[in-house]
Amino acid sequence: MNKTELVSAIAEKSGLSKADSEKALNAFTDAVTSELKNGGKVQLVGFGTFEVSERAARTGKNPQTGEPLEIAACKAPKFKAGKALKDALN
């Protein structure tokens, strides 16, 4: 499912127009992104938790040449599914 299909599904289930659904989706993604940038986390009970994971610097390998290279430390977004979501899938 891509963003356009998600906007259509939200519009259909909520009764909002597609334009309003897209605004709501954009507001949600902006709010989550902003909170993660500030080092926080977003918990949606029953759905899951968005948080930031710290990745340490490490040595990798160039797959073409086999030469070692340094991979810098970085922050990565992480999503952990909640119990209700897991139960719905099983």
PDB file of N, CA and C in Angstrom:
ATOM      1  N   MET A   1       0.856  -1.172   0.000  1.00  0.00           N
ATOM      2  CA  MET A   1       0.000   0.000   0.000  1.00  0.00           C
ATOM      3  C   MET A   1       0.904   1.238   0.000  1.00  0.00           C
ATOM      4  N   ASN A   2       0.669   2.134  -0.918  1.00  0.00           N
ATOM      5  CA  ASN A   2       1.443   3.377  -0.955  1.00  0.00           C
ATOM      6  C   ASN A   2       0.641   4.509  -0.293  1.00  0.00           C
ATOM      7  N   LYS A   3       1.199   5.706  -0.294  1.00  0.00           N
ATOM      8  CA  LYS A   3       0.565   6.822   0.406  1.00  0.00           C
ATOM      9  C   LYS A   3      -0.803   7.157  -0.185  1.00  0.00           C
ATOM     10  N   THR A   4      -0.928   7.162  -1.513  1.00  0.00           N
ATOM     11  CA  THR A   4      -2.209   7.474  -2.150  1.00  0.00           C
ATOM     12  C   THR A   4      -3.290   6.477  -1.749  1.00  0.00           C
ATOM     13  N   GLU A   5      -2.928   5.191  -1.725  1.00  0.00           N
ATOM     14  CA  GLU A   5      -3.884   4.160  -1.328  1.00  0.00           C
ATOM     15  C   GLU A   5      -4.245   4.293   0.154  1.00  0.00           C
ATOM     16  N   LEU A   6      -3.270   4.660   0.981  1.00  0.00           N
ATOM     17  CA  LEU A   6      -3.544   4.862   2.400  1.00  0.00           C
ATOM     18  C   LEU A   6      -4.482   6.040   2.617  1.00  0.00           C
ATOM     19  N   VAL A   7      -4.257   7.129   1.896  1.00  0.00           N
ATOM     20  CA  VAL A   7      -5.136   8.301   1.993  1.00  0.00           C
ATOM     21  C   VAL A   7      -6.555   7.921   1.589  1.00  0.00           C
ATOM     22  N   SER A   8      -6.700   7.139   0.525  1.00  0.00           N
ATOM     23  CA  SER A   8      -8.026   6.694   0.080  1.00  0.00           C
ATOM     24  C   SER A   8      -8.697   5.827   1.135  1.00  0.00           C
ATOM     25  N   ALA A   9      -7.942   4.924   1.756  1.00  0.00           N
ATOM     26  CA  ALA A   9      -8.502   4.049   2.785  1.00  0.00           C
ATOM     27  C   ALA A   9      -8.935   4.857   4.008  1.00  0.00           C
ATOM     28  N   ILE A  10      -8.126   5.843   4.400  1.00  0.00           N
ATOM     29  CA  ILE A  10      -8.481   6.693   5.537  1.00  0.00           C
ATOM     30  C   ILE A  10      -9.754   7.483   5.227  1.00  0.00           C
ATOM     31  N   ALA A  11      -9.839   8.032   4.015  1.00  0.00           N
ATOM     32  CA  ALA A  11     -11.023   8.802   3.615  1.00  0.00           C
ATOM     33  C   ALA A  11     -12.271   7.927   3.654  1.00  0.00           C
ATOM     34  N   GLU A  12     -12.147   6.709   3.167  1.00  0.00           N
ATOM     35  CA  GLU A  12     -13.301   5.801   3.115  1.00  0.00           C
ATOM     36  C   GLU A  12     -13.760   5.403   4.518  1.00  0.00           C
ATOM     37  N   LYS A  13     -12.817   5.097   5.406  1.00  0.00           N
ATOM     38  CA  LYS A  13     -13.180   4.639   6.749  1.00  0.00           C
ATOM     39  C   LYS A  13     -13.625   5.768   7.668  1.00  0.00           C
ATOM     40  N   SER A  14     -13.105   6.987   7.443  1.00  0.00           N
ATOM     41  CA  SER A  14     -13.417   8.088   8.349  1.00  0.00           C
ATOM     42  C   SER A  14     -14.542   8.986   7.855  1.00  0.00           C
ATOM     43  N   GLY A  15     -14.853   8.915   6.566  1.00  0.00           N
ATOM     44  CA  GLY A  15     -15.868   9.795   6.011  1.00  0.00           C
ATOM     45  C   GLY A  15     -15.329  11.170   5.669  1.00  0.00           C
ATOM     46  N   LEU A  16     -14.033  11.373   5.789  1.00  0.00           N
ATOM     47  CA  LEU A  16     -13.405  12.645   5.420  1.00  0.00           C
ATOM     48  C   LEU A  16     -13.137  12.666   3.911  1.00  0.00           C
ATOM     49  N   SER A  17     -12.913  13.845   3.394  1.00  0.00           N
ATOM     50  CA  SER A  17     -12.524  13.935   1.982  1.00  0.00           C
ATOM     51  C   SER A  17     -11.077  13.456   1.859  1.00  0.00           C
ATOM     52  N   LYS A  18     -10.659  13.144   0.636  1.00  0.00           N
ATOM     53  CA  LYS A  18      -9.287  12.703   0.424  1.00  0.00           C
ATOM     54  C   LYS A  18      -8.295  13.810   0.777  1.00  0.00           C
ATOM     55  N   ALA A  19      -8.653  15.063   0.496  1.00  0.00           N
ATOM     56  CA  ALA A  19      -7.771  16.186   0.825  1.00  0.00           C
ATOM     57  C   ALA A  19      -7.592  16.299   2.335  1.00  0.00           C
ATOM     58  N   ASP A  20      -8.692  16.176   3.089  1.00  0.00           N
ATOM     59  CA  ASP A  20      -8.606  16.245   4.548  1.00  0.00           C
ATOM     60  C   ASP A  20      -7.852  15.042   5.113  1.00  0.00           C
ATOM     61  N   SER A  21      -8.052  13.878   4.514  1.00  0.00           N
ATOM     62  CA  SER A  21      -7.349  12.678   4.955  1.00  0.00           C
ATOM     63  C   SER A  21      -5.852  12.809   4.728  1.00  0.00           C
ATOM     64  N   GLU A  22      -5.469  13.405   3.603  1.00  0.00           N
ATOM     65  CA  GLU A  22      -4.049  13.597   3.331  1.00  0.00           C
ATOM     66  C   GLU A  22      -3.436  14.600   4.316  1.00  0.00           C
ATOM     67  N   LYS A  23      -4.193  15.666   4.636  1.00  0.00           N
ATOM     68  CA  LYS A  23      -3.716  16.633   5.629  1.00  0.00           C
ATOM     69  C   LYS A  23      -3.524  15.951   6.986  1.00  0.00           C
ATOM     70  N   ALA A  24      -4.460  15.090   7.365  1.00  0.00           N
ATOM     71  CA  ALA A  24      -4.362  14.379   8.643  1.00  0.00           C
ATOM     72  C   ALA A  24      -3.159  13.439   8.653  1.00  0.00           C
ATOM     73  N   LEU A  25      -2.944  12.727   7.569  1.00  0.00           N
ATOM     74  CA  LEU A  25      -1.806  11.818   7.474  1.00  0.00           C
ATOM     75  C   LEU A  25      -0.489  12.587   7.520  1.00  0.00           C
ATOM     76  N   ASN A  26      -0.415  13.695   6.798  1.00  0.00           N
ATOM     77  CA  ASN A  26       0.796  14.523   6.817  1.00  0.00           C
ATOM     78  C   ASN A  26       1.047  15.099   8.205  1.00  0.00           C
ATOM     79  N   ALA A  27      -0.014  15.512   8.885  1.00  0.00           N
ATOM     80  CA  ALA A  27       0.123  16.047  10.245  1.00  0.00           C
ATOM     81  C   ALA A  27       0.640  14.959  11.188  1.00  0.00           C
ATOM     82  N   PHE A  28       0.139  13.743  11.034  1.00  0.00           N
ATOM     83  CA  PHE A  28       0.594  12.623  11.865  1.00  0.00           C
ATOM     84  C   PHE A  28       2.075  12.341  11.634  1.00  0.00           C
ATOM     85  N   THR A  29       2.481  12.225  10.376  1.00  0.00           N
ATOM     86  CA  THR A  29       3.888  11.917  10.083  1.00  0.00           C
ATOM     87  C   THR A  29       4.803  13.060  10.534  1.00  0.00           C
ATOM     88  N   ASP A  30       4.353  14.300  10.368  1.00  0.00           N
ATOM     89  CA  ASP A  30       5.154  15.450  10.824  1.00  0.00           C
ATOM     90  C   ASP A  30       5.307  15.450  12.344  1.00  0.00           C
ATOM     91  N   ALA A  31       4.235  15.137  13.053  1.00  0.00           N
ATOM     92  CA  ALA A  31       4.275  15.122  14.512  1.00  0.00           C
ATOM     93  C   ALA A  31       5.196  14.009  15.022  1.00  0.00           C
ATOM     94  N   VAL A  32       5.119  12.836  14.419  1.00  0.00           N
ATOM     95  CA  VAL A  32       5.986  11.724  14.828  1.00  0.00           C
ATOM     96  C   VAL A  32       7.439  12.066  14.523  1.00  0.00           C
ATOM     97  N   THR A  33       7.705  12.591  13.332  1.00  0.00           N
ATOM     98  CA  THR A  33       9.067  12.964  12.945  1.00  0.00           C
ATOM     99  C   THR A  33       9.639  14.005  13.898  1.00  0.00           C
ATOM    100  N   SER A  34       8.859  15.015  14.220  1.00  0.00           N
ATOM    101  CA  SER A  34       9.302  16.073  15.121  1.00  0.00           C
ATOM    102  C   SER A  34       9.643  15.524  16.497  1.00  0.00           C
ATOM    103  N   GLU A  35       8.798  14.665  17.021  1.00  0.00           N
ATOM    104  CA  GLU A  35       9.037  14.087  18.346  1.00  0.00           C
ATOM    105  C   GLU A  35      10.292  13.212  18.345  1.00  0.00           C
ATOM    106  N   LEU A  36      10.504  12.432  17.298  1.00  0.00           N
ATOM    107  CA  LEU A  36      11.690  11.581  17.224  1.00  0.00           C
ATOM    108  C   LEU A  36      12.955  12.423  17.078  1.00  0.00           C
ATOM    109  N   LYS A  37      12.870  13.532  16.328  1.00  0.00           N
ATOM    110  CA  LYS A  37      14.022  14.426  16.194  1.00  0.00           C
ATOM    111  C   LYS A  37      14.427  15.000  17.541  1.00  0.00           C
ATOM    112  N   ASN A  38      13.455  15.248  18.410  1.00  0.00           N
ATOM    113  CA  ASN A  38      13.720  15.810  19.737  1.00  0.00           C
ATOM    114  C   ASN A  38      14.130  14.736  20.740  1.00  0.00           C
ATOM    115  N   GLY A  39      14.287  13.491  20.284  1.00  0.00           N
ATOM    116  CA  GLY A  39      14.734  12.409  21.158  1.00  0.00           C
ATOM    117  C   GLY A  39      13.631  11.722  21.934  1.00  0.00           C
ATOM    118  N   GLY A  40      12.384  12.058  21.650  1.00  0.00           N
ATOM    119  CA  GLY A  40      11.267  11.445  22.361  1.00  0.00           C
ATOM    120  C   GLY A  40      10.797  10.175  21.682  1.00  0.00           C
ATOM    121  N   LYS A  41       9.680   9.664  22.164  1.00  0.00           N
ATOM    122  CA  LYS A  41       9.062   8.516  21.516  1.00  0.00           C
ATOM    123  C   LYS A  41       7.555   8.721  21.481  1.00  0.00           C
ATOM    124  N   VAL A  42       6.903   8.028  20.556  1.00  0.00           N
ATOM    125  CA  VAL A  42       5.453   8.154  20.378  1.00  0.00           C
ATOM    126  C   VAL A  42       4.838   6.783  20.629  1.00  0.00           C
ATOM    127  N   GLN A  43       3.975   6.689  21.654  1.00  0.00           N
ATOM    128  CA  GLN A  43       3.309   5.448  21.986  1.00  0.00           C
ATOM    129  C   GLN A  43       1.839   5.532  21.600  1.00  0.00           C
ATOM    130  N   LEU A  44       1.398   4.594  20.796  1.00  0.00           N
ATOM    131  CA  LEU A  44      -0.012   4.466  20.455  1.00  0.00           C
ATOM    132  C   LEU A  44      -0.474   3.142  21.053  1.00  0.00           C
ATOM    133  N   VAL A  45      -1.172   3.212  22.176  1.00  0.00           N
ATOM    134  CA  VAL A  45      -1.559   2.010  22.907  1.00  0.00           C
ATOM    135  C   VAL A  45      -2.349   1.080  21.992  1.00  0.00           C
ATOM    136  N   GLY A  46      -1.932  -0.166  21.951  1.00  0.00           N
ATOM    137  CA  GLY A  46      -2.581  -1.167  21.115  1.00  0.00           C
ATOM    138  C   GLY A  46      -2.013  -1.245  19.712  1.00  0.00           C
ATOM    139  N   PHE A  47      -1.338  -0.198  19.261  1.00  0.00           N
ATOM    140  CA  PHE A  47      -0.774  -0.197  17.909  1.00  0.00           C
ATOM    141  C   PHE A  47       0.729  -0.408  17.954  1.00  0.00           C
ATOM    142  N   GLY A  48       1.447   0.464  18.657  1.00  0.00           N
ATOM    143  CA  GLY A  48       2.888   0.302  18.761  1.00  0.00           C
ATOM    144  C   GLY A  48       3.585   1.563  19.206  1.00  0.00           C
ATOM    145  N   THR A  49       4.923   1.501  19.203  1.00  0.00           N
ATOM    146  CA  THR A  49       5.747   2.597  19.673  1.00  0.00           C
ATOM    147  C   THR A  49       6.796   2.944  18.630  1.00  0.00           C
ATOM    148  N   PHE A  50       6.898   4.235  18.327  1.00  0.00           N
ATOM    149  CA  PHE A  50       7.956   4.752  17.463  1.00  0.00           C
ATOM    150  C   PHE A  50       9.018   5.347  18.381  1.00  0.00           C
ATOM    151  N   GLU A  51      10.291   4.969  18.169  1.00  0.00           N
ATOM    152  CA  GLU A  51      11.365   5.541  18.965  1.00  0.00           C
ATOM    153  C   GLU A  51      12.649   5.588  18.153  1.00  0.00           C
ATOM    154  N   VAL A  52      13.661   6.234  18.721  1.00  0.00           N
ATOM    155  CA  VAL A  52      14.945   6.388  18.042  1.00  0.00           C
ATOM    156  C   VAL A  52      15.932   5.383  18.617  1.00  0.00           C
ATOM    157  N   SER A  53      16.653   4.720  17.732  1.00  0.00           N
ATOM    158  CA  SER A  53      17.673   3.760  18.127  1.00  0.00           C
ATOM    159  C   SER A  53      19.038   4.312  17.749  1.00  0.00           C
ATOM    160  N   GLU A  54      19.997   4.224  18.666  1.00  0.00           N
ATOM    161  CA  GLU A  54      21.362   4.685  18.411  1.00  0.00           C
ATOM    162  C   GLU A  54      22.163   3.532  17.814  1.00  0.00           C
ATOM    163  N   ARG A  55      22.784   3.758  16.678  1.00  0.00           N
ATOM    164  CA  ARG A  55      23.663   2.757  16.075  1.00  0.00           C
ATOM    165  C   ARG A  55      25.106   3.201  16.270  1.00  0.00           C
ATOM    166  N   ALA A  56      25.933   2.328  16.804  1.00  0.00           N
ATOM    167  CA  ALA A  56      27.336   2.644  17.060  1.00  0.00           C
ATOM    168  C   ALA A  56      28.128   2.627  15.754  1.00  0.00           C
ATOM    169  N   ALA A  57      29.250   3.316  15.762  1.00  0.00           N
ATOM    170  CA  ALA A  57      30.155   3.277  14.611  1.00  0.00           C
ATOM    171  C   ALA A  57      30.709   1.859  14.495  1.00  0.00           C
ATOM    172  N   ARG A  58      30.933   1.420  13.265  1.00  0.00           N
ATOM    173  CA  ARG A  58      31.434   0.065  13.067  1.00  0.00           C
ATOM    174  C   ARG A  58      32.237  -0.013  11.779  1.00  0.00           C
ATOM    175  N   THR A  59      32.939  -1.096  11.609  1.00  0.00           N
ATOM    176  CA  THR A  59      33.716  -1.318  10.400  1.00  0.00           C
ATOM    177  C   THR A  59      32.929  -2.254   9.494  1.00  0.00           C
ATOM    178  N   GLY A  60      32.722  -1.830   8.258  1.00  0.00           N
ATOM    179  CA  GLY A  60      32.024  -2.646   7.275  1.00  0.00           C
ATOM    180  C   GLY A  60      32.992  -3.078   6.186  1.00  0.00           C
ATOM    181  N   LYS A  61      32.438  -3.685   5.143  1.00  0.00           N
ATOM    182  CA  LYS A  61      33.266  -4.144   4.049  1.00  0.00           C
ATOM    183  C   LYS A  61      32.629  -3.755   2.723  1.00  0.00           C
ATOM    184  N   ASN A  62      33.410  -3.188   1.816  1.00  0.00           N
ATOM    185  CA  ASN A  62      32.935  -2.871   0.477  1.00  0.00           C
ATOM    186  C   ASN A  62      32.683  -4.203  -0.238  1.00  0.00           C
ATOM    187  N   PRO A  63      31.446  -4.484  -0.675  1.00  0.00           N
ATOM    188  CA  PRO A  63      31.154  -5.787  -1.272  1.00  0.00           C
ATOM    189  C   PRO A  63      31.867  -6.027  -2.613  1.00  0.00           C
ATOM    190  N   GLN A  64      32.234  -4.966  -3.324  1.00  0.00           N
ATOM    191  CA  GLN A  64      32.894  -5.141  -4.619  1.00  0.00           C
ATOM    192  C   GLN A  64      34.385  -5.417  -4.471  1.00  0.00           C
ATOM    193  N   THR A  65      35.025  -4.685  -3.564  1.00  0.00           N
ATOM    194  CA  THR A  65      36.475  -4.813  -3.442  1.00  0.00           C
ATOM    195  C   THR A  65      36.912  -5.587  -2.205  1.00  0.00           C
ATOM    196  N   GLY A  66      36.041  -5.725  -1.236  1.00  0.00           N
ATOM    197  CA  GLY A  66      36.391  -6.399   0.005  1.00  0.00           C
ATOM    198  C   GLY A  66      37.170  -5.523   0.969  1.00  0.00           C
ATOM    199  N   GLU A  67      37.407  -4.267   0.605  1.00  0.00           N
ATOM    200  CA  GLU A  67      38.157  -3.363   1.461  1.00  0.00           C
ATOM    201  C   GLU A  67      37.316  -2.940   2.669  1.00  0.00           C
ATOM    202  N   PRO A  68      37.936  -2.872   3.837  1.00  0.00           N
ATOM    203  CA  PRO A  68      37.189  -2.394   5.013  1.00  0.00           C
ATOM    204  C   PRO A  68      36.932  -0.897   4.916  1.00  0.00           C
ATOM    205  N   LEU A  69      35.801  -0.469   5.464  1.00  0.00           N
ATOM    206  CA  LEU A  69      35.480   0.949   5.516  1.00  0.00           C
ATOM    207  C   LEU A  69      34.739   1.239   6.802  1.00  0.00           C
ATOM    208  N   GLU A  70      34.900   2.460   7.278  1.00  0.00           N
ATOM    209  CA  GLU A  70      34.260   2.872   8.526  1.00  0.00           C
ATOM    210  C   GLU A  70      32.843   3.357   8.251  1.00  0.00           C
ATOM    211  N   ILE A  71      31.900   2.839   9.027  1.00  0.00           N
ATOM    212  CA  ILE A  71      30.513   3.286   8.954  1.00  0.00           C
ATOM    213  C   ILE A  71      30.273   4.136  10.202  1.00  0.00           C
ATOM    214  N   ALA A  72      29.869   5.376   9.998  1.00  0.00           N
ATOM    215  CA  ALA A  72      29.703   6.325  11.102  1.00  0.00           C
ATOM    216  C   ALA A  72      28.517   5.948  11.987  1.00  0.00           C
ATOM    217  N   ALA A  73      28.570   6.389  13.237  1.00  0.00           N
ATOM    218  CA  ALA A  73      27.446   6.219  14.153  1.00  0.00           C
ATOM    219  C   ALA A  73      26.277   7.051  13.653  1.00  0.00           C
ATOM    220  N   CYS A  74      25.060   6.582  13.906  1.00  0.00           N
ATOM    221  CA  CYS A  74      23.881   7.316  13.452  1.00  0.00           C
ATOM    222  C   CYS A  74      22.682   6.974  14.331  1.00  0.00           C
ATOM    223  N   LYS A  75      21.623   7.719  14.122  1.00  0.00           N
ATOM    224  CA  LYS A  75      20.354   7.457  14.781  1.00  0.00           C
ATOM    225  C   LYS A  75      19.404   6.901  13.735  1.00  0.00           C
ATOM    226  N   ALA A  76      18.612   5.900  14.117  1.00  0.00           N
ATOM    227  CA  ALA A  76      17.674   5.282  13.179  1.00  0.00           C
ATOM    228  C   ALA A  76      16.304   5.156  13.834  1.00  0.00           C
ATOM    229  N   PRO A  77      15.221   5.381  13.073  1.00  0.00           N
ATOM    230  CA  PRO A  77      13.890   5.195  13.640  1.00  0.00           C
ATOM    231  C   PRO A  77      13.604   3.707  13.839  1.00  0.00           C
ATOM    232  N   LYS A  78      12.827   3.419  14.875  1.00  0.00           N
ATOM    233  CA  LYS A  78      12.495   2.041  15.186  1.00  0.00           C
ATOM    234  C   LYS A  78      11.011   1.981  15.536  1.00  0.00           C
ATOM    235  N   PHE A  79      10.342   0.932  15.093  1.00  0.00           N
ATOM    236  CA  PHE A  79       8.932   0.731  15.437  1.00  0.00           C
ATOM    237  C   PHE A  79       8.794  -0.619  16.108  1.00  0.00           C
ATOM    238  N   LYS A  80       8.129  -0.631  17.257  1.00  0.00           N
ATOM    239  CA  LYS A  80       7.854  -1.877  17.953  1.00  0.00           C
ATOM    240  C   LYS A  80       6.334  -2.045  18.004  1.00  0.00           C
ATOM    241  N   ALA A  81       5.846  -3.110  17.418  1.00  0.00           N
ATOM    242  CA  ALA A  81       4.408  -3.357  17.354  1.00  0.00           C
ATOM    243  C   ALA A  81       3.845  -3.645  18.737  1.00  0.00           C
ATOM    244  N   GLY A  82       2.633  -3.148  18.980  1.00  0.00           N
ATOM    245  CA  GLY A  82       1.952  -3.383  20.246  1.00  0.00           C
ATOM    246  C   GLY A  82       1.242  -4.723  20.253  1.00  0.00           C
ATOM    247  N   LYS A  83       0.804  -5.149  21.418  1.00  0.00           N
ATOM    248  CA  LYS A  83       0.169  -6.460  21.577  1.00  0.00           C
ATOM    249  C   LYS A  83      -1.094  -6.602  20.736  1.00  0.00           C
ATOM    250  N   ALA A  84      -1.936  -5.583  20.700  1.00  0.00           N
ATOM    251  CA  ALA A  84      -3.185  -5.669  19.939  1.00  0.00           C
ATOM    252  C   ALA A  84      -2.905  -5.840  18.440  1.00  0.00           C
ATOM    253  N   LEU A  85      -1.894  -5.149  17.924  1.00  0.00           N
ATOM    254  CA  LEU A  85      -1.527  -5.295  16.513  1.00  0.00           C
ATOM    255  C   LEU A  85      -1.000  -6.690  16.242  1.00  0.00           C
ATOM    256  N   LYS A  86      -0.142  -7.187  17.122  1.00  0.00           N
ATOM    257  CA  LYS A  86       0.388  -8.537  16.953  1.00  0.00           C
ATOM    258  C   LYS A  86      -0.732  -9.567  16.986  1.00  0.00           C
ATOM    259  N   ASP A  87      -1.659  -9.404  17.935  1.00  0.00           N
ATOM    260  CA  ASP A  87      -2.782 -10.342  18.064  1.00  0.00           C
ATOM    261  C   ASP A  87      -3.680 -10.300  16.829  1.00  0.00           C
ATOM    262  N   ALA A  88      -3.862  -9.120  16.245  1.00  0.00           N
ATOM    263  CA  ALA A  88      -4.715  -8.987  15.066  1.00  0.00           C
ATOM    264  C   ALA A  88      -4.107  -9.712  13.862  1.00  0.00           C
ATOM    265  N   LEU A  89      -2.783  -9.795  13.823  1.00  0.00           N
ATOM    266  CA  LEU A  89      -2.118 -10.456  12.701  1.00  0.00           C
ATOM    267  C   LEU A  89      -2.057 -11.965  12.864  1.00  0.00           C
ATOM    268  N   ASN A  90      -2.188 -12.422  14.083  1.00  0.00           N
ATOM    269  CA  ASN A  90      -2.064 -13.879  14.326  1.00  0.00           C
ATOM    270  C   ASN A  90      -3.390 -14.457  14.563  1.00  0.00           C
TER     271      ASN A  90
END
